[in-house]
Amino acid sequence: MTRNALAYSPNGKGRPLHDTAASAPKSAIATAKKAGGFVWIGLEDPDEKEMADLAERLELHPLPTLDATTGKQQPKIQSYDQHLFVVMWLLHRSPQSRLRVGELFMFIRDGLLVTVQRDMRGHPVDVPQILEATETSLHAGSVGALYGVMANIANTYSDLASDVEKDLEHLEHQVFDQNEKDDGAMIYRLRQELGKLQRAVSSFAKALETSRDRLDKLAIGNKALEPYLRDLLDDLAGTAQLVSDQGSALDGVVSSHENNVASQQNDDTRKISAFAALLSVPTVIAGLYGMNFKNLPGVNWTFGWESVAAAVIILDVVMFINFKRRHWL
């Protein structure tokens, strides 16, 4: 597990907490609150003992603590007497260009922001960098920091949706252009990625909408933050609608791809049947003459072999022309 702890002043600058303050952060939180700032504590993949220890030191509610310990949670926002609890999915691309899903758990109360990241596979979100980049909103304390983190993750959702849009345009060009070959692997990879993105965006957008009152209560006295929160909600709603539309468009691409595959299979079946019919003519005639019956036509003719071979060729040519006319070959 990795643990980091920083104290942020109202100007948005963070300073590392010394070991004593990091292990017993209550006094550091009180000092930061008095100065109008907050304390951030970040953990990566903590085990059950480490989460229990942190929960005891910071008086975190046991239910969200258990969620952050076990992971595998849906995006949500929950309010407890002690704090607000937020779960977001972290989407990142692996070295194999596959979309991976991590989780970010956040505990927020006045003067404190705790982030717990899971399953990021060596690519954690740089929370201090995000907090430094949202200097204006940090004047709202831990709630402003929460906004900064949520806005940054929402921007990654928007960027991924833009990447999906480019891939979708490329696939639409393939499946609707007869001169292009469909990339079936790319189609189903994009469908999988779009499903993950859709669940991440729509679930959190709904949770944010239903929890607007809770965020407003936390932001009391920080009117400057309210338009940022509304803008975040609008951005998530717009991204959710875009991803939903992309899902509908991708369904059309998948349907067209399946039709193209079925059509290609029919073409292949006709070609195989046509070639089998052409080969059946010499096969049947050779089989008849190989039965050694007496008085077979042409057996005693001077040009019997040439006549039979010519008949085979003529029959195959006639059949070939008919197959061509029917577009079987």
C-alpha atoms as a PDB file:
ATOM      1  CA  MET A   1       0.000   0.000   0.000  1.00  0.00           C
ATOM      2  CA  THR A   2       1.077   3.589  -0.671  1.00  0.00           C
ATOM      3  CA  ARG A   3      -0.001   6.381   1.671  1.00  0.00           C
ATOM      4  CA  ASN A   4       0.483  10.116   1.116  1.00  0.00           C
ATOM      5  CA  ALA A   5      -0.576  13.031   3.292  1.00  0.00           C
ATOM      6  CA  LEU A   6      -0.543  16.739   2.468  1.00  0.00           C
ATOM      7  CA  ALA A   7      -1.937  19.811   4.191  1.00  0.00           C
ATOM      8  CA  TYR A   8      -3.390  22.422   1.827  1.00  0.00           C
ATOM      9  CA  SER A   9      -3.675  26.095   2.609  1.00  0.00           C
ATOM     10  CA  PRO A  10      -6.406  28.334   1.140  1.00  0.00           C
ATOM     11  CA  ASN A  11      -4.054  29.447  -1.644  1.00  0.00           C
ATOM     12  CA  GLY A  12      -4.009  25.900  -3.000  1.00  0.00           C
ATOM     13  CA  LYS A  13      -0.463  25.016  -1.984  1.00  0.00           C
ATOM     14  CA  GLY A  14       0.159  21.678  -0.315  1.00  0.00           C
ATOM     15  CA  ARG A  15       2.907  20.798   2.129  1.00  0.00           C
ATOM     16  CA  PRO A  16       3.801  17.288   3.301  1.00  0.00           C
ATOM     17  CA  LEU A  17       2.736  16.361   6.807  1.00  0.00           C
ATOM     18  CA  HIS A  18       5.513  15.166   9.079  1.00  0.00           C
ATOM     19  CA  ASP A  19       5.333  11.571  10.276  1.00  0.00           C
ATOM     20  CA  THR A  20       3.679  12.397  13.607  1.00  0.00           C
ATOM     21  CA  ALA A  21       0.914  14.444  11.993  1.00  0.00           C
ATOM     22  CA  ALA A  22       0.372  11.805   9.281  1.00  0.00           C
ATOM     23  CA  SER A  23      -0.037   9.031  11.853  1.00  0.00           C
ATOM     24  CA  ALA A  24      -2.257  11.184  14.117  1.00  0.00           C
ATOM     25  CA  PRO A  25      -3.919  13.599  11.700  1.00  0.00           C
ATOM     26  CA  LYS A  26      -6.682  15.048  13.898  1.00  0.00           C
ATOM     27  CA  SER A  27      -4.585  17.977  15.109  1.00  0.00           C
ATOM     28  CA  ALA A  28      -3.364  18.620  11.550  1.00  0.00           C
ATOM     29  CA  ILE A  29      -6.967  18.664  10.318  1.00  0.00           C
ATOM     30  CA  ALA A  30      -7.973  21.098  13.047  1.00  0.00           C
ATOM     31  CA  THR A  31      -5.050  23.362  12.157  1.00  0.00           C
ATOM     32  CA  ALA A  32      -5.869  23.227   8.443  1.00  0.00           C
ATOM     33  CA  LYS A  33      -9.566  24.007   9.105  1.00  0.00           C
ATOM     34  CA  LYS A  34      -8.651  26.952  11.297  1.00  0.00           C
ATOM     35  CA  ALA A  35      -6.543  28.349   8.464  1.00  0.00           C
ATOM     36  CA  GLY A  36      -9.307  27.733   5.909  1.00  0.00           C
ATOM     37  CA  GLY A  37      -7.568  24.780   4.274  1.00  0.00           C
ATOM     38  CA  PHE A  38      -7.804  21.001   4.527  1.00  0.00           C
ATOM     39  CA  VAL A  39      -5.777  17.802   4.822  1.00  0.00           C
ATOM     40  CA  TRP A  40      -5.576  15.248   2.018  1.00  0.00           C
ATOM     41  CA  ILE A  41      -4.692  11.615   2.714  1.00  0.00           C
ATOM     42  CA  GLY A  42      -4.265   9.269  -0.234  1.00  0.00           C
ATOM     43  CA  LEU A  43      -4.017   5.481  -0.201  1.00  0.00           C
ATOM     44  CA  GLU A  44      -3.469   2.941  -2.963  1.00  0.00           C
ATOM     45  CA  ASP A  45      -4.694  -0.653  -2.629  1.00  0.00           C
ATOM     46  CA  PRO A  46      -4.817  -0.758   1.207  1.00  0.00           C
ATOM     47  CA  ASP A  47      -5.551  -4.055   2.937  1.00  0.00           C
ATOM     48  CA  GLU A  48      -8.242  -4.612   5.541  1.00  0.00           C
ATOM     49  CA  LYS A  49      -5.988  -3.802   8.525  1.00  0.00           C
ATOM     50  CA  GLU A  50      -4.748  -0.557   7.003  1.00  0.00           C
ATOM     51  CA  MET A  51      -8.264   0.615   6.162  1.00  0.00           C
ATOM     52  CA  ALA A  52      -9.507  -0.285   9.644  1.00  0.00           C
ATOM     53  CA  ASP A  53      -6.627   1.652  11.203  1.00  0.00           C
ATOM     54  CA  LEU A  54      -7.348   4.718   9.071  1.00  0.00           C
ATOM     55  CA  ALA A  55     -11.086   4.511   9.783  1.00  0.00           C
ATOM     56  CA  GLU A  56     -10.416   4.427  13.512  1.00  0.00           C
ATOM     57  CA  ARG A  57      -8.039   7.405  13.402  1.00  0.00           C
ATOM     58  CA  LEU A  58     -10.375   9.518  11.241  1.00  0.00           C
ATOM     59  CA  GLU A  59     -13.705   8.236  12.620  1.00  0.00           C
ATOM     60  CA  LEU A  60     -14.925   6.989   9.236  1.00  0.00           C
ATOM     61  CA  HIS A  61     -18.225   5.127   9.057  1.00  0.00           C
ATOM     62  CA  PRO A  62     -17.750   1.322   8.923  1.00  0.00           C
ATOM     63  CA  LEU A  63     -20.047   0.732   5.899  1.00  0.00           C
ATOM     64  CA  PRO A  64     -18.150   2.883   3.364  1.00  0.00           C
ATOM     65  CA  THR A  65     -14.906   1.719   4.958  1.00  0.00           C
ATOM     66  CA  LEU A  66     -15.921  -1.845   4.115  1.00  0.00           C
ATOM     67  CA  ASP A  67     -16.769  -0.753   0.543  1.00  0.00           C
ATOM     68  CA  ALA A  68     -13.326   0.808   0.147  1.00  0.00           C
ATOM     69  CA  THR A  69     -11.735  -2.335   1.568  1.00  0.00           C
ATOM     70  CA  THR A  70     -13.482  -4.880  -0.646  1.00  0.00           C
ATOM     71  CA  GLY A  71     -13.884  -2.737  -3.793  1.00  0.00           C
ATOM     72  CA  LYS A  72     -16.097  -3.789  -6.713  1.00  0.00           C
ATOM     73  CA  GLN A  73     -18.610  -0.987  -6.112  1.00  0.00           C
ATOM     74  CA  GLN A  74     -20.847   0.925  -8.483  1.00  0.00           C
ATOM     75  CA  PRO A  75     -20.388   4.720  -8.790  1.00  0.00           C
ATOM     76  CA  LYS A  76     -22.412   6.398  -6.052  1.00  0.00           C
ATOM     77  CA  ILE A  77     -22.611   9.235  -3.540  1.00  0.00           C
ATOM     78  CA  GLN A  78     -23.727   8.526   0.041  1.00  0.00           C
ATOM     79  CA  SER A  79     -24.134  10.834   3.017  1.00  0.00           C
ATOM     80  CA  TYR A  80     -23.247   9.803   6.581  1.00  0.00           C
ATOM     81  CA  ASP A  81     -23.246  11.774   9.810  1.00  0.00           C
ATOM     82  CA  GLN A  82     -19.453  11.787   9.841  1.00  0.00           C
ATOM     83  CA  HIS A  83     -18.759  12.525   6.178  1.00  0.00           C
ATOM     84  CA  LEU A  84     -19.771  12.258   2.526  1.00  0.00           C
ATOM     85  CA  PHE A  85     -18.742   9.118   0.634  1.00  0.00           C
ATOM     86  CA  VAL A  86     -18.146   9.159  -3.132  1.00  0.00           C
ATOM     87  CA  VAL A  87     -17.281   6.254  -5.435  1.00  0.00           C
ATOM     88  CA  MET A  88     -16.108   6.822  -9.020  1.00  0.00           C
ATOM     89  CA  TRP A  89     -14.731   4.487 -11.656  1.00  0.00           C
ATOM     90  CA  LEU A  90     -11.258   5.282 -12.951  1.00  0.00           C
ATOM     91  CA  LEU A  91     -10.896   4.302 -16.599  1.00  0.00           C
ATOM     92  CA  HIS A  92      -7.402   3.928 -18.030  1.00  0.00           C
ATOM     93  CA  ARG A  93      -5.830   2.188 -21.000  1.00  0.00           C
ATOM     94  CA  SER A  94      -3.451  -0.691 -20.422  1.00  0.00           C
ATOM     95  CA  PRO A  95      -0.221  -1.144 -22.431  1.00  0.00           C
ATOM     96  CA  GLN A  96      -2.254  -3.564 -24.593  1.00  0.00           C
ATOM     97  CA  SER A  97      -4.615  -0.636 -25.458  1.00  0.00           C
ATOM     98  CA  ARG A  98      -7.453  -2.193 -23.490  1.00  0.00           C
ATOM     99  CA  LEU A  99      -9.699  -0.112 -21.258  1.00  0.00           C
ATOM    100  CA  ARG A 100      -9.241  -1.040 -17.602  1.00  0.00           C
ATOM    101  CA  VAL A 101     -11.528  -0.121 -14.727  1.00  0.00           C
ATOM    102  CA  GLY A 102     -10.130   1.047 -11.389  1.00  0.00           C
ATOM    103  CA  GLU A 103     -11.980   2.559  -8.459  1.00  0.00           C
ATOM    104  CA  LEU A 104     -11.659   5.772  -6.478  1.00  0.00           C
ATOM    105  CA  PHE A 105     -13.253   6.012  -3.033  1.00  0.00           C
ATOM    106  CA  MET A 106     -13.427   9.463  -1.412  1.00  0.00           C
ATOM    107  CA  PHE A 107     -14.326  10.422   2.158  1.00  0.00           C
ATOM    108  CA  ILE A 108     -15.084  14.137   2.529  1.00  0.00           C
ATOM    109  CA  ARG A 109     -15.836  16.332   5.486  1.00  0.00           C
ATOM    110  CA  ASP A 110     -14.904  19.842   6.464  1.00  0.00           C
ATOM    111  CA  GLY A 111     -11.110  20.002   6.567  1.00  0.00           C
ATOM    112  CA  LEU A 112     -10.483  16.476   5.247  1.00  0.00           C
ATOM    113  CA  LEU A 113     -10.333  14.628   1.943  1.00  0.00           C
ATOM    114  CA  VAL A 114      -9.374  10.937   1.891  1.00  0.00           C
ATOM    115  CA  THR A 115      -8.890   9.143  -1.434  1.00  0.00           C
ATOM    116  CA  VAL A 116      -8.499   5.390  -1.811  1.00  0.00           C
ATOM    117  CA  GLN A 117      -7.545   4.019  -5.227  1.00  0.00           C
ATOM    118  CA  ARG A 118      -7.868   0.375  -6.217  1.00  0.00           C
ATOM    119  CA  ASP A 119      -6.910  -1.766  -9.233  1.00  0.00           C
ATOM    120  CA  MET A 120      -5.008   0.972 -11.070  1.00  0.00           C
ATOM    121  CA  ARG A 121      -2.195  -1.493 -11.937  1.00  0.00           C
ATOM    122  CA  GLY A 122       0.646   0.934 -11.476  1.00  0.00           C
ATOM    123  CA  HIS A 123      -1.163   3.908 -13.070  1.00  0.00           C
ATOM    124  CA  PRO A 124      -2.765   5.763 -10.141  1.00  0.00           C
ATOM    125  CA  VAL A 125      -4.446   9.121 -10.504  1.00  0.00           C
ATOM    126  CA  ASP A 126      -2.100  11.897  -9.384  1.00  0.00           C
ATOM    127  CA  VAL A 127      -4.414  13.600  -6.890  1.00  0.00           C
ATOM    128  CA  PRO A 128      -1.901  16.266  -5.728  1.00  0.00           C
ATOM    129  CA  GLN A 129      -1.365  17.331  -9.331  1.00  0.00           C
ATOM    130  CA  ILE A 130      -5.135  17.638  -9.792  1.00  0.00           C
ATOM    131  CA  LEU A 131      -5.452  19.691  -6.615  1.00  0.00           C
ATOM    132  CA  GLU A 132      -2.653  22.005  -7.720  1.00  0.00           C
ATOM    133  CA  ALA A 133      -4.404  22.470 -11.087  1.00  0.00           C
ATOM    134  CA  THR A 134      -7.702  23.472  -9.436  1.00  0.00           C
ATOM    135  CA  GLU A 135      -6.265  26.266  -7.352  1.00  0.00           C
ATOM    136  CA  THR A 136      -9.296  28.557  -7.640  1.00  0.00           C
ATOM    137  CA  SER A 137     -11.773  26.025  -6.312  1.00  0.00           C
ATOM    138  CA  LEU A 138      -9.466  25.023  -3.448  1.00  0.00           C
ATOM    139  CA  HIS A 139     -10.560  28.200  -1.675  1.00  0.00           C
ATOM    140  CA  ALA A 140     -13.710  26.170  -0.939  1.00  0.00           C
ATOM    141  CA  GLY A 141     -11.663  23.729   1.168  1.00  0.00           C
ATOM    142  CA  SER A 142     -12.213  19.986   0.970  1.00  0.00           C
ATOM    143  CA  VAL A 143     -15.423  20.409  -1.050  1.00  0.00           C
ATOM    144  CA  GLY A 144     -13.518  22.422  -3.640  1.00  0.00           C
ATOM    145  CA  ALA A 145     -10.902  19.681  -3.715  1.00  0.00           C
ATOM    146  CA  LEU A 146     -13.650  17.115  -4.210  1.00  0.00           C
ATOM    147  CA  TYR A 147     -14.948  19.144  -7.140  1.00  0.00           C
ATOM    148  CA  GLY A 148     -11.444  19.298  -8.630  1.00  0.00           C
ATOM    149  CA  VAL A 149     -10.999  15.518  -8.503  1.00  0.00           C
ATOM    150  CA  MET A 150     -14.491  14.808  -9.850  1.00  0.00           C
ATOM    151  CA  ALA A 151     -14.068  17.350 -12.659  1.00  0.00           C
ATOM    152  CA  ASN A 152     -10.731  15.843 -13.672  1.00  0.00           C
ATOM    153  CA  ILE A 153     -12.196  12.328 -13.848  1.00  0.00           C
ATOM    154  CA  ALA A 154     -15.223  13.671 -15.742  1.00  0.00           C
ATOM    155  CA  ASN A 155     -12.786  15.162 -18.263  1.00  0.00           C
ATOM    156  CA  THR A 156     -11.176  11.742 -18.755  1.00  0.00           C
ATOM    157  CA  TYR A 157     -14.658  10.355 -19.461  1.00  0.00           C
ATOM    158  CA  SER A 158     -15.178  13.089 -22.064  1.00  0.00           C
ATOM    159  CA  ASP A 159     -11.778  12.381 -23.658  1.00  0.00           C
ATOM    160  CA  LEU A 160     -12.543   8.671 -23.852  1.00  0.00           C
ATOM    161  CA  ALA A 161     -15.926   9.447 -25.422  1.00  0.00           C
ATOM    162  CA  SER A 162     -14.109  11.522 -28.065  1.00  0.00           C
ATOM    163  CA  ASP A 163     -11.771   8.593 -28.785  1.00  0.00           C
ATOM    164  CA  VAL A 164     -14.776   6.289 -29.086  1.00  0.00           C
ATOM    165  CA  GLU A 165     -16.385   8.737 -31.528  1.00  0.00           C
ATOM    166  CA  LYS A 166     -13.313   8.578 -33.798  1.00  0.00           C
ATOM    167  CA  ASP A 167     -13.230   4.782 -33.682  1.00  0.00           C
ATOM    168  CA  LEU A 168     -16.974   4.679 -34.348  1.00  0.00           C
ATOM    169  CA  GLU A 169     -16.640   6.876 -37.445  1.00  0.00           C
ATOM    170  CA  HIS A 170     -13.884   4.587 -38.742  1.00  0.00           C
ATOM    171  CA  LEU A 171     -16.016   1.482 -38.168  1.00  0.00           C
ATOM    172  CA  GLU A 172     -19.059   3.057 -39.831  1.00  0.00           C
ATOM    173  CA  HIS A 173     -16.923   3.770 -42.899  1.00  0.00           C
ATOM    174  CA  GLN A 174     -15.810   0.136 -42.946  1.00  0.00           C
ATOM    175  CA  VAL A 175     -19.176  -1.560 -42.586  1.00  0.00           C
ATOM    176  CA  PHE A 176     -21.001   0.710 -45.037  1.00  0.00           C
ATOM    177  CA  ASP A 177     -18.266   0.656 -47.715  1.00  0.00           C
ATOM    178  CA  GLN A 178     -18.283  -2.529 -49.775  1.00  0.00           C
ATOM    179  CA  ASN A 179     -14.647  -1.966 -50.728  1.00  0.00           C
ATOM    180  CA  GLU A 180     -13.541  -2.046 -47.080  1.00  0.00           C
ATOM    181  CA  LYS A 181     -13.146  -5.145 -44.933  1.00  0.00           C
ATOM    182  CA  ASP A 182     -14.889  -5.104 -41.548  1.00  0.00           C
ATOM    183  CA  ASP A 183     -12.637  -5.257 -38.472  1.00  0.00           C
ATOM    184  CA  GLY A 184     -14.716  -7.560 -36.301  1.00  0.00           C
ATOM    185  CA  ALA A 185     -12.198  -7.576 -33.429  1.00  0.00           C
ATOM    186  CA  MET A 186     -12.234  -3.777 -33.267  1.00  0.00           C
ATOM    187  CA  ILE A 187     -16.044  -3.682 -33.317  1.00  0.00           C
ATOM    188  CA  TYR A 188     -16.441  -5.970 -30.329  1.00  0.00           C
ATOM    189  CA  ARG A 189     -13.522  -4.360 -28.451  1.00  0.00           C
ATOM    190  CA  LEU A 190     -15.193  -0.968 -28.901  1.00  0.00           C
ATOM    191  CA  ARG A 191     -18.504  -2.406 -27.742  1.00  0.00           C
ATOM    192  CA  GLN A 192     -16.859  -3.654 -24.546  1.00  0.00           C
ATOM    193  CA  GLU A 193     -15.134  -0.321 -23.915  1.00  0.00           C
ATOM    194  CA  LEU A 194     -18.295   1.653 -24.596  1.00  0.00           C
ATOM    195  CA  GLY A 195     -20.201  -0.499 -22.106  1.00  0.00           C
ATOM    196  CA  LYS A 196     -17.660   0.277 -19.363  1.00  0.00           C
ATOM    197  CA  LEU A 197     -17.687   3.985 -20.199  1.00  0.00           C
ATOM    198  CA  GLN A 198     -21.480   4.095 -20.284  1.00  0.00           C
ATOM    199  CA  ARG A 199     -21.800   2.482 -16.859  1.00  0.00           C
ATOM    200  CA  ALA A 200     -19.140   4.763 -15.363  1.00  0.00           C
ATOM    201  CA  VAL A 201     -20.656   7.980 -16.703  1.00  0.00           C
ATOM    202  CA  SER A 202     -24.386   7.326 -16.408  1.00  0.00           C
ATOM    203  CA  SER A 203     -24.180   5.838 -12.904  1.00  0.00           C
ATOM    204  CA  PHE A 204     -22.168   8.721 -11.513  1.00  0.00           C
ATOM    205  CA  ALA A 205     -24.195  11.381 -13.340  1.00  0.00           C
ATOM    206  CA  LYS A 206     -27.352   9.956 -11.746  1.00  0.00           C
ATOM    207  CA  ALA A 207     -25.694   9.790  -8.328  1.00  0.00           C
ATOM    208  CA  LEU A 208     -24.517  13.389  -8.621  1.00  0.00           C
ATOM    209  CA  GLU A 209     -27.968  14.580  -9.659  1.00  0.00           C
ATOM    210  CA  THR A 210     -29.677  12.901  -6.713  1.00  0.00           C
ATOM    211  CA  SER A 211     -26.990  14.164  -4.287  1.00  0.00           C
ATOM    212  CA  ARG A 212     -26.976  17.800  -5.370  1.00  0.00           C
ATOM    213  CA  ASP A 213     -28.550  18.945  -2.075  1.00  0.00           C
ATOM    214  CA  ARG A 214     -25.851  17.179  -0.050  1.00  0.00           C
ATOM    215  CA  LEU A 215     -23.091  18.879  -2.029  1.00  0.00           C
ATOM    216  CA  ASP A 216     -24.820  22.234  -1.684  1.00  0.00           C
ATOM    217  CA  LYS A 217     -24.905  21.799   2.099  1.00  0.00           C
ATOM    218  CA  LEU A 218     -21.181  21.078   2.162  1.00  0.00           C
ATOM    219  CA  ALA A 219     -20.559  24.125  -0.015  1.00  0.00           C
ATOM    220  CA  ILE A 220     -22.486  26.520   2.245  1.00  0.00           C
ATOM    221  CA  GLY A 221     -20.511  29.742   2.531  1.00  0.00           C
ATOM    222  CA  ASN A 222     -18.718  29.075  -0.756  1.00  0.00           C
ATOM    223  CA  LYS A 223     -21.091  30.507  -3.311  1.00  0.00           C
ATOM    224  CA  ALA A 224     -18.292  30.698  -5.887  1.00  0.00           C
ATOM    225  CA  LEU A 225     -18.229  26.901  -6.013  1.00  0.00           C
ATOM    226  CA  GLU A 226     -21.910  26.443  -6.887  1.00  0.00           C
ATOM    227  CA  PRO A 227     -21.599  27.246 -10.631  1.00  0.00           C
ATOM    228  CA  TYR A 228     -18.669  24.832 -10.872  1.00  0.00           C
ATOM    229  CA  LEU A 229     -20.773  22.028  -9.419  1.00  0.00           C
ATOM    230  CA  ARG A 230     -23.651  22.822 -11.785  1.00  0.00           C
ATOM    231  CA  ASP A 231     -21.229  22.889 -14.712  1.00  0.00           C
ATOM    232  CA  LEU A 232     -19.824  19.502 -13.668  1.00  0.00           C
ATOM    233  CA  LEU A 233     -23.324  18.042 -13.553  1.00  0.00           C
ATOM    234  CA  ASP A 234     -24.124  19.457 -17.003  1.00  0.00           C
ATOM    235  CA  ASP A 235     -20.864  18.090 -18.425  1.00  0.00           C
ATOM    236  CA  LEU A 236     -21.543  14.620 -17.046  1.00  0.00           C
ATOM    237  CA  ALA A 237     -25.111  14.686 -18.351  1.00  0.00           C
ATOM    238  CA  GLY A 238     -23.852  15.714 -21.798  1.00  0.00           C
ATOM    239  CA  THR A 239     -21.189  12.992 -21.808  1.00  0.00           C
ATOM    240  CA  ALA A 240     -23.767  10.426 -20.665  1.00  0.00           C
ATOM    241  CA  GLN A 241     -26.073  11.425 -23.546  1.00  0.00           C
ATOM    242  CA  LEU A 242     -23.195  11.267 -26.039  1.00  0.00           C
ATOM    243  CA  VAL A 243     -22.167   7.808 -24.834  1.00  0.00           C
ATOM    244  CA  SER A 244     -25.792   6.652 -25.014  1.00  0.00           C
ATOM    245  CA  ASP A 245     -26.049   7.898 -28.622  1.00  0.00           C
ATOM    246  CA  GLN A 246     -22.754   6.194 -29.425  1.00  0.00           C
ATOM    247  CA  GLY A 247     -24.170   2.951 -28.031  1.00  0.00           C
ATOM    248  CA  SER A 248     -27.147   3.216 -30.382  1.00  0.00           C
ATOM    249  CA  ALA A 249     -24.872   3.971 -33.328  1.00  0.00           C
ATOM    250  CA  LEU A 250     -22.617   1.046 -32.428  1.00  0.00           C
ATOM    251  CA  ASP A 251     -25.646  -1.263 -32.313  1.00  0.00           C
ATOM    252  CA  GLY A 252     -26.289  -0.254 -35.934  1.00  0.00           C
ATOM    253  CA  VAL A 253     -22.653  -0.951 -36.804  1.00  0.00           C
ATOM    254  CA  VAL A 254     -22.817  -4.379 -35.145  1.00  0.00           C
ATOM    255  CA  SER A 255     -26.048  -5.193 -36.983  1.00  0.00           C
ATOM    256  CA  SER A 256     -24.537  -4.132 -40.324  1.00  0.00           C
ATOM    257  CA  HIS A 257     -21.376  -6.098 -39.570  1.00  0.00           C
ATOM    258  CA  GLU A 258     -23.394  -9.225 -38.798  1.00  0.00           C
ATOM    259  CA  ASN A 259     -25.359  -8.748 -42.034  1.00  0.00           C
ATOM    260  CA  ASN A 260     -22.083  -8.355 -43.935  1.00  0.00           C
ATOM    261  CA  VAL A 261     -20.721 -11.522 -42.343  1.00  0.00           C
ATOM    262  CA  ALA A 262     -23.910 -13.435 -43.192  1.00  0.00           C
ATOM    263  CA  SER A 263     -23.808 -12.126 -46.776  1.00  0.00           C
ATOM    264  CA  GLN A 264     -20.151 -13.110 -47.112  1.00  0.00           C
ATOM    265  CA  GLN A 265     -20.910 -16.571 -45.758  1.00  0.00           C
ATOM    266  CA  ASN A 266     -23.711 -16.943 -48.321  1.00  0.00           C
ATOM    267  CA  ASP A 267     -21.320 -15.894 -51.093  1.00  0.00           C
ATOM    268  CA  ASP A 268     -18.734 -18.391 -49.883  1.00  0.00           C
ATOM    269  CA  THR A 269     -21.364 -21.137 -49.700  1.00  0.00           C
ATOM    270  CA  ARG A 270     -22.508 -20.448 -53.277  1.00  0.00           C
ATOM    271  CA  LYS A 271     -18.924 -20.468 -54.566  1.00  0.00           C
ATOM    272  CA  ILE A 272     -18.157 -23.740 -52.801  1.00  0.00           C
ATOM    273  CA  SER A 273     -21.362 -25.278 -54.173  1.00  0.00           C
ATOM    274  CA  ALA A 274     -20.563 -24.046 -57.697  1.00  0.00           C
ATOM    275  CA  PHE A 275     -17.033 -25.494 -57.645  1.00  0.00           C
ATOM    276  CA  ALA A 276     -18.393 -28.752 -56.213  1.00  0.00           C
ATOM    277  CA  ALA A 277     -20.910 -28.944 -59.088  1.00  0.00           C
ATOM    278  CA  LEU A 278     -18.164 -28.298 -61.672  1.00  0.00           C
ATOM    279  CA  LEU A 279     -16.018 -31.056 -60.173  1.00  0.00           C
ATOM    280  CA  SER A 280     -18.943 -33.454 -59.971  1.00  0.00           C
ATOM    281  CA  VAL A 281     -19.237 -33.716 -63.793  1.00  0.00           C
ATOM    282  CA  PRO A 282     -15.835 -35.381 -64.427  1.00  0.00           C
ATOM    283  CA  THR A 283     -16.194 -37.319 -61.167  1.00  0.00           C
ATOM    284  CA  VAL A 284     -19.539 -38.868 -62.172  1.00  0.00           C
ATOM    285  CA  ILE A 285     -18.426 -39.647 -65.736  1.00  0.00           C
ATOM    286  CA  ALA A 286     -15.126 -41.157 -64.531  1.00  0.00           C
ATOM    287  CA  GLY A 287     -17.068 -43.238 -62.019  1.00  0.00           C
ATOM    288  CA  LEU A 288     -19.423 -44.585 -64.685  1.00  0.00           C
ATOM    289  CA  TYR A 289     -16.607 -45.530 -67.070  1.00  0.00           C
ATOM    290  CA  GLY A 290     -14.665 -47.066 -64.212  1.00  0.00           C
ATOM    291  CA  MET A 291     -17.397 -49.678 -63.616  1.00  0.00           C
ATOM    292  CA  ASN A 292     -16.174 -51.766 -66.617  1.00  0.00           C
ATOM    293  CA  PHE A 293     -19.645 -52.415 -68.051  1.00  0.00           C
ATOM    294  CA  LYS A 294     -19.732 -53.729 -71.604  1.00  0.00           C
ATOM    295  CA  ASN A 295     -21.094 -51.606 -74.420  1.00  0.00           C
ATOM    296  CA  LEU A 296     -20.388 -48.259 -72.698  1.00  0.00           C
ATOM    297  CA  PRO A 297     -20.691 -45.447 -75.269  1.00  0.00           C
ATOM    298  CA  GLY A 298     -17.380 -44.606 -76.885  1.00  0.00           C
ATOM    299  CA  VAL A 299     -15.383 -47.436 -75.333  1.00  0.00           C
ATOM    300  CA  ASN A 300     -14.512 -48.969 -78.697  1.00  0.00           C
ATOM    301  CA  TRP A 301     -14.329 -45.703 -80.613  1.00  0.00           C
ATOM    302  CA  THR A 302     -11.077 -44.575 -82.111  1.00  0.00           C
ATOM    303  CA  PHE A 303     -11.521 -41.118 -80.562  1.00  0.00           C
ATOM    304  CA  GLY A 304     -13.594 -42.280 -77.584  1.00  0.00           C
ATOM    305  CA  TRP A 305     -11.328 -40.745 -74.902  1.00  0.00           C
ATOM    306  CA  GLU A 306     -11.170 -37.419 -76.712  1.00  0.00           C
ATOM    307  CA  SER A 307     -14.946 -37.396 -77.136  1.00  0.00           C
ATOM    308  CA  VAL A 308     -15.623 -38.056 -73.432  1.00  0.00           C
ATOM    309  CA  ALA A 309     -13.070 -35.405 -72.384  1.00  0.00           C
ATOM    310  CA  ALA A 310     -14.657 -32.892 -74.784  1.00  0.00           C
ATOM    311  CA  ALA A 311     -18.124 -33.657 -73.367  1.00  0.00           C
ATOM    312  CA  VAL A 312     -16.849 -33.076 -69.819  1.00  0.00           C
ATOM    313  CA  ILE A 313     -15.280 -29.765 -70.814  1.00  0.00           C
ATOM    314  CA  ILE A 314     -18.403 -28.595 -72.664  1.00  0.00           C
ATOM    315  CA  LEU A 315     -20.670 -29.460 -69.717  1.00  0.00           C
ATOM    316  CA  ASP A 316     -18.378 -27.676 -67.264  1.00  0.00           C
ATOM    317  CA  VAL A 317     -18.146 -24.592 -69.493  1.00  0.00           C
ATOM    318  CA  VAL A 318     -21.938 -24.410 -69.799  1.00  0.00           C
ATOM    319  CA  MET A 319     -22.338 -24.765 -66.041  1.00  0.00           C
ATOM    320  CA  PHE A 320     -19.598 -22.183 -65.406  1.00  0.00           C
ATOM    321  CA  ILE A 321     -21.372 -19.634 -67.646  1.00  0.00           C
ATOM    322  CA  ASN A 322     -24.672 -20.207 -65.831  1.00  0.00           C
ATOM    323  CA  PHE A 323     -23.035 -19.824 -62.426  1.00  0.00           C
ATOM    324  CA  LYS A 324     -21.405 -16.581 -63.581  1.00  0.00           C
ATOM    325  CA  ARG A 325     -24.730 -15.214 -64.731  1.00  0.00           C
ATOM    326  CA  ARG A 326     -26.234 -16.005 -61.337  1.00  0.00           C
ATOM    327  CA  HIS A 327     -23.218 -14.412 -59.559  1.00  0.00           C
ATOM    328  CA  TRP A 328     -22.261 -17.643 -57.873  1.00  0.00           C
ATOM    329  CA  LEU A 329     -18.715 -17.303 -59.170  1.00  0.00           C
END
